Amino acid sequence: MKIKFNSKFIKFLSIFIFTFIVIFPFSIFATYGVDEAYPVGTLTPTCAPGSSVYCTIALSGTGITSLNGLSGVTQTFSIGDTGTDFMIDSTGSLHTFNIPDASSLNRGLLTPLDWSAFNNKAESGANTDITSLSISDYIDFTSTSNPSYAPGRLFYDDVEKSLAYYNGVSEAINIGGELFIRVKNNTGSTIYKGQIVYLNGNDAGVPTIALAKADDIETSESVSMAREDILAGEFGHTIYCFW
């Protein structure tokens, strides 16, 4: 018996040889024993190295007599793309391994064109910087619960009904709903959320704050309210207050 196949099918052929020569006999051995199961014959490839057309495998003795229901002396393997999933069509003396192109309906191979389109959508690496963005009309933000914290993350706050983002603190900053400044607490004590403060200087360009007091004209000129607890010597945010 002679089997002839296209060189493109070398990978599939190796799977076949492994299945019929190793797995299949082993399963028979387990049932009947070595003496009863081992096929009489030798599977010998005679193709020249580097052949680009066909290779021939000669089988002597009484080993394999049928492949996928075909028992012709010479059988050929080919590759097609018919159907919506991988399928082997064995007709006459031809075994066609059909592997369609992948699509929304087909489970198959990714074409070079589709691969290039996918690969060009993003640069390699975990993250990609957007260098330019063109918006023709508008952007819709999904109305869901606030996302996990990450500095610079923009989203729609469905509770406050406004766009919001995260900066250096985990609480969302609502755009248009509040005006705030980044400050430093240099008083030596914690300033708690909601306490009224005034500006008393700066530290490398960042305004410093202290608790406002009504017993002095300078300390009574409050301009903002602590947005969160600000530990001594730490940075935080205050909300502008207009009285």
Protein backbone atom coordinates (compact mmCIF):
# COMPACT_ATOMS: atom_id res chain seq x y z
CA MET A 1 0.00 0.00 0.00
CA LYS A 2 1.34 3.47 -0.89
CA ILE A 3 0.24 6.74 0.63
CA LYS A 4 1.00 9.98 -1.22
CA PHE A 5 0.61 13.37 0.39
CA ASN A 6 1.44 17.01 -0.19
CA SER A 7 4.53 18.31 1.63
CA LYS A 8 2.46 21.01 3.34
CA PHE A 9 0.81 18.24 5.23
CA ILE A 10 4.00 16.97 6.95
CA LYS A 11 2.78 18.15 10.36
CA PHE A 12 -0.53 16.32 9.99
CA LEU A 13 1.26 13.20 8.77
CA SER A 14 3.41 13.08 11.89
CA ILE A 15 0.26 13.11 14.02
CA PHE A 16 -1.18 10.25 11.98
CA ILE A 17 1.96 8.16 12.29
CA PHE A 18 2.09 8.71 16.03
CA THR A 19 -1.59 7.77 16.37
CA PHE A 20 -1.53 4.58 14.31
CA ILE A 21 1.96 3.33 15.20
CA VAL A 22 2.10 4.27 18.91
CA ILE A 23 -1.33 4.98 20.44
CA PHE A 24 -3.46 2.51 18.47
CA PRO A 25 -1.22 -0.56 19.00
CA PHE A 26 -0.78 0.32 22.67
CA SER A 27 -4.56 0.37 23.21
CA ILE A 28 -4.87 -3.04 21.51
CA PHE A 29 -2.02 -4.47 23.62
CA ALA A 30 -3.93 -3.51 26.76
CA THR A 31 -6.95 -5.52 25.56
CA TYR A 32 -5.54 -8.60 23.79
CA GLY A 33 -1.84 -8.80 24.70
CA VAL A 34 1.27 -8.20 22.60
CA ASP A 35 1.30 -11.53 20.75
CA GLU A 36 -2.28 -11.18 19.51
CA ALA A 37 -2.29 -7.44 18.69
CA TYR A 38 0.99 -6.37 17.08
CA PRO A 39 0.48 -5.79 13.32
CA VAL A 40 2.71 -7.61 10.89
CA GLY A 41 4.35 -5.08 8.56
CA THR A 42 6.63 -2.08 8.24
CA LEU A 43 5.79 1.56 7.46
CA THR A 44 8.73 2.99 5.50
CA PRO A 45 8.97 6.57 4.10
CA THR A 46 10.81 6.85 0.78
CA CYS A 47 10.48 10.56 0.04
CA ALA A 48 13.58 12.60 -0.75
CA PRO A 49 14.56 15.25 1.83
CA GLY A 50 13.27 18.68 0.86
CA SER A 51 10.64 17.35 -1.54
CA SER A 52 8.16 20.10 -2.40
CA VAL A 53 5.53 17.99 -4.18
CA TYR A 54 4.72 14.56 -2.75
CA CYS A 55 6.25 11.95 -0.48
CA THR A 56 5.45 8.24 -0.63
CA ILE A 57 5.19 5.90 2.30
CA ALA A 58 5.31 2.19 1.46
CA LEU A 59 3.67 -0.27 3.80
CA SER A 60 4.79 -3.91 3.57
CA GLY A 61 3.10 -6.85 5.21
CA THR A 62 -0.42 -6.84 6.65
CA GLY A 63 -0.36 -3.68 8.79
CA ILE A 64 -2.64 -0.71 7.95
CA THR A 65 -5.26 -1.68 5.39
CA SER A 66 -7.68 1.25 5.71
CA LEU A 67 -7.47 4.99 6.43
CA ASN A 68 -10.70 6.72 7.53
CA GLY A 69 -12.70 4.11 5.62
CA LEU A 70 -10.62 4.20 2.41
CA SER A 71 -8.61 1.13 1.42
CA GLY A 72 -7.08 2.16 -1.90
CA VAL A 73 -3.48 1.16 -2.65
CA THR A 74 -2.51 4.81 -3.13
CA GLN A 75 -4.12 7.53 -1.05
CA THR A 76 -3.50 11.28 -1.05
CA PHE A 77 -3.79 13.99 1.57
CA SER A 78 -4.74 17.57 0.72
CA ILE A 79 -5.81 20.74 2.52
CA GLY A 80 -9.04 22.65 1.88
CA ASP A 81 -11.10 25.39 3.52
CA THR A 82 -14.66 24.11 3.20
CA GLY A 83 -17.10 24.28 6.13
CA THR A 84 -17.29 26.19 9.40
CA ASP A 85 -14.98 23.99 11.49
CA PHE A 86 -12.10 21.57 11.06
CA MET A 87 -13.28 18.50 9.10
CA ILE A 88 -11.70 15.55 7.27
CA ASP A 89 -13.45 14.55 4.06
CA SER A 90 -12.36 11.13 2.79
CA THR A 91 -13.68 10.34 -0.71
CA GLY A 92 -12.30 7.92 -3.30
CA SER A 93 -8.59 7.91 -2.53
CA LEU A 94 -8.36 11.52 -1.33
CA HIS A 95 -8.36 12.73 2.29
CA THR A 96 -9.08 16.48 2.44
CA PHE A 97 -8.34 18.26 5.69
CA ASN A 98 -10.68 21.26 5.61
CA ILE A 99 -9.58 24.19 7.80
CA PRO A 100 -11.68 27.31 7.07
CA ASP A 101 -10.55 30.89 7.66
CA ALA A 102 -11.57 32.14 11.10
CA SER A 103 -14.52 34.52 11.23
CA SER A 104 -17.51 35.38 13.39
CA LEU A 105 -19.14 32.18 12.09
CA ASN A 106 -16.13 29.92 11.47
CA ARG A 107 -13.70 28.34 13.88
CA GLY A 108 -10.52 28.13 11.85
CA LEU A 109 -7.20 29.71 10.95
CA LEU A 110 -6.32 33.37 11.37
CA THR A 111 -5.50 34.77 7.95
CA PRO A 112 -2.36 36.90 7.42
CA LEU A 113 -4.57 39.91 6.63
CA ASP A 114 -6.59 39.55 9.84
CA TRP A 115 -3.45 38.95 11.87
CA SER A 116 -1.89 42.15 10.53
CA ALA A 117 -5.06 44.12 11.29
CA PHE A 118 -5.11 42.79 14.84
CA ASN A 119 -1.37 43.31 15.37
CA ASN A 120 -1.54 46.91 14.16
CA LYS A 121 -4.25 47.88 16.61
CA ALA A 122 -1.76 48.21 19.47
CA GLU A 123 1.95 48.28 20.03
CA SER A 124 3.59 45.43 21.89
CA GLY A 125 3.64 45.67 25.67
CA ALA A 126 1.18 45.82 28.53
CA ASN A 127 -0.03 49.38 27.79
CA THR A 128 -0.15 51.63 24.77
CA ASP A 129 -0.02 55.42 24.80
CA ILE A 130 -2.55 57.18 22.56
CA THR A 131 -0.66 59.88 20.70
CA SER A 132 -3.68 61.29 18.87
CA LEU A 133 -7.46 60.95 19.09
CA SER A 134 -10.07 62.20 16.66
CA ILE A 135 -13.70 62.42 17.85
CA SER A 136 -16.30 63.32 15.26
CA ASP A 137 -19.32 63.97 17.53
CA TYR A 138 -19.28 62.74 21.12
CA ILE A 139 -18.18 60.11 23.65
CA ASP A 140 -20.67 58.07 25.68
CA PHE A 141 -19.63 57.06 29.20
CA THR A 142 -21.31 54.00 30.70
CA SER A 143 -23.47 54.70 33.75
CA THR A 144 -22.25 52.11 36.23
CA SER A 145 -20.74 52.07 39.69
CA ASN A 146 -17.45 53.91 40.08
CA PRO A 147 -14.40 51.92 38.90
CA SER A 148 -11.47 50.94 41.08
CA TYR A 149 -9.01 53.68 41.95
CA ALA A 150 -6.20 54.58 39.57
CA PRO A 151 -4.73 58.10 39.24
CA GLY A 152 -5.87 59.78 36.03
CA ARG A 153 -8.90 57.48 35.47
CA LEU A 154 -11.86 59.32 33.93
CA PHE A 155 -15.44 58.00 34.25
CA TYR A 156 -19.10 58.94 34.75
CA ASP A 157 -20.18 59.12 38.40
CA ASP A 158 -23.76 57.83 38.34
CA VAL A 159 -24.38 58.88 41.95
CA GLU A 160 -23.36 62.52 41.51
CA LYS A 161 -24.52 62.54 37.86
CA SER A 162 -21.33 64.08 36.51
CA LEU A 163 -18.03 63.21 34.92
CA ALA A 164 -15.41 62.40 37.51
CA TYR A 165 -11.79 61.36 37.75
CA TYR A 166 -9.21 60.18 40.24
CA ASN A 167 -6.07 62.16 41.02
CA GLY A 168 -3.86 61.64 44.07
CA VAL A 169 -6.68 60.50 46.35
CA SER A 170 -9.04 57.56 46.10
CA GLU A 171 -12.21 59.68 46.26
CA ALA A 172 -13.63 60.74 42.91
CA ILE A 173 -13.28 64.38 41.87
CA ASN A 174 -16.50 65.55 40.20
CA ILE A 175 -15.82 67.83 37.26
CA GLY A 176 -17.82 71.07 37.55
CA GLY A 177 -19.21 70.08 40.93
CA GLU A 178 -16.27 71.16 43.04
CA LEU A 179 -13.16 73.33 42.80
CA PHE A 180 -10.18 72.20 44.79
CA ILE A 181 -6.50 72.89 45.31
CA ARG A 182 -3.64 70.62 46.33
CA VAL A 183 -2.19 71.71 49.66
CA LYS A 184 0.23 70.66 52.38
CA ASN A 185 -0.56 70.47 56.09
CA ASN A 186 2.42 71.95 57.93
CA THR A 187 0.70 72.52 61.29
CA GLY A 188 2.06 69.46 63.09
CA SER A 189 -1.45 68.03 63.65
CA THR A 190 -4.00 66.23 61.49
CA ILE A 191 -6.54 68.43 59.73
CA TYR A 192 -9.78 66.50 59.43
CA LYS A 193 -12.22 66.33 56.56
CA GLY A 194 -14.69 69.23 56.66
CA GLN A 195 -12.55 71.56 58.76
CA ILE A 196 -12.18 75.14 57.48
CA VAL A 197 -8.64 76.24 56.68
CA TYR A 198 -6.76 79.25 55.43
CA LEU A 199 -3.57 79.58 53.39
CA ASN A 200 -0.54 80.46 55.46
CA GLY A 201 2.35 80.07 53.00
CA ASN A 202 3.78 77.62 50.48
CA ASP A 203 6.18 74.71 50.28
CA ALA A 204 8.00 74.46 46.93
CA GLY A 205 5.05 76.10 45.21
CA VAL A 206 2.38 74.06 47.01
CA PRO A 207 0.12 76.16 49.30
CA THR A 208 0.33 75.32 53.01
CA ILE A 209 -2.70 75.44 55.28
CA ALA A 210 -3.71 75.78 58.91
CA LEU A 211 -7.04 75.76 60.74
CA ALA A 212 -8.97 79.00 60.39
CA LYS A 213 -9.71 80.93 63.59
CA ALA A 214 -12.08 83.83 64.14
CA ASP A 215 -9.97 85.57 66.80
CA ASP A 216 -7.58 87.12 64.29
CA ILE A 217 -8.15 88.90 61.01
CA GLU A 218 -5.44 86.95 59.19
CA THR A 219 -6.52 83.46 60.34
CA SER A 220 -10.21 84.22 59.82
CA GLU A 221 -9.87 84.72 56.08
CA SER A 222 -10.75 81.13 55.23
CA VAL A 223 -10.70 80.11 51.60
CA SER A 224 -11.30 76.37 51.62
CA MET A 225 -12.43 73.25 53.45
CA ALA A 226 -10.46 70.03 53.86
CA ARG A 227 -11.72 67.45 51.38
CA GLU A 228 -10.22 64.52 53.28
CA ASP A 229 -8.20 63.93 56.42
CA ILE A 230 -4.74 65.43 55.87
CA LEU A 231 -2.03 64.13 58.17
CA ALA A 232 0.64 66.44 59.58
CA GLY A 233 3.35 67.09 57.00
CA GLU A 234 1.33 65.39 54.23
CA PHE A 235 -0.30 66.64 51.04
CA GLY A 236 -4.05 66.64 50.46
CA HIS A 237 -6.87 68.58 48.86
CA THR A 238 -9.20 71.31 49.96
CA ILE A 239 -12.41 72.55 48.35
CA TYR A 240 -12.80 76.23 47.55
CA CYS A 241 -15.42 77.94 49.68
CA PHE A 242 -17.11 81.18 48.63
CA TRP A 243 -18.92 83.04 51.39
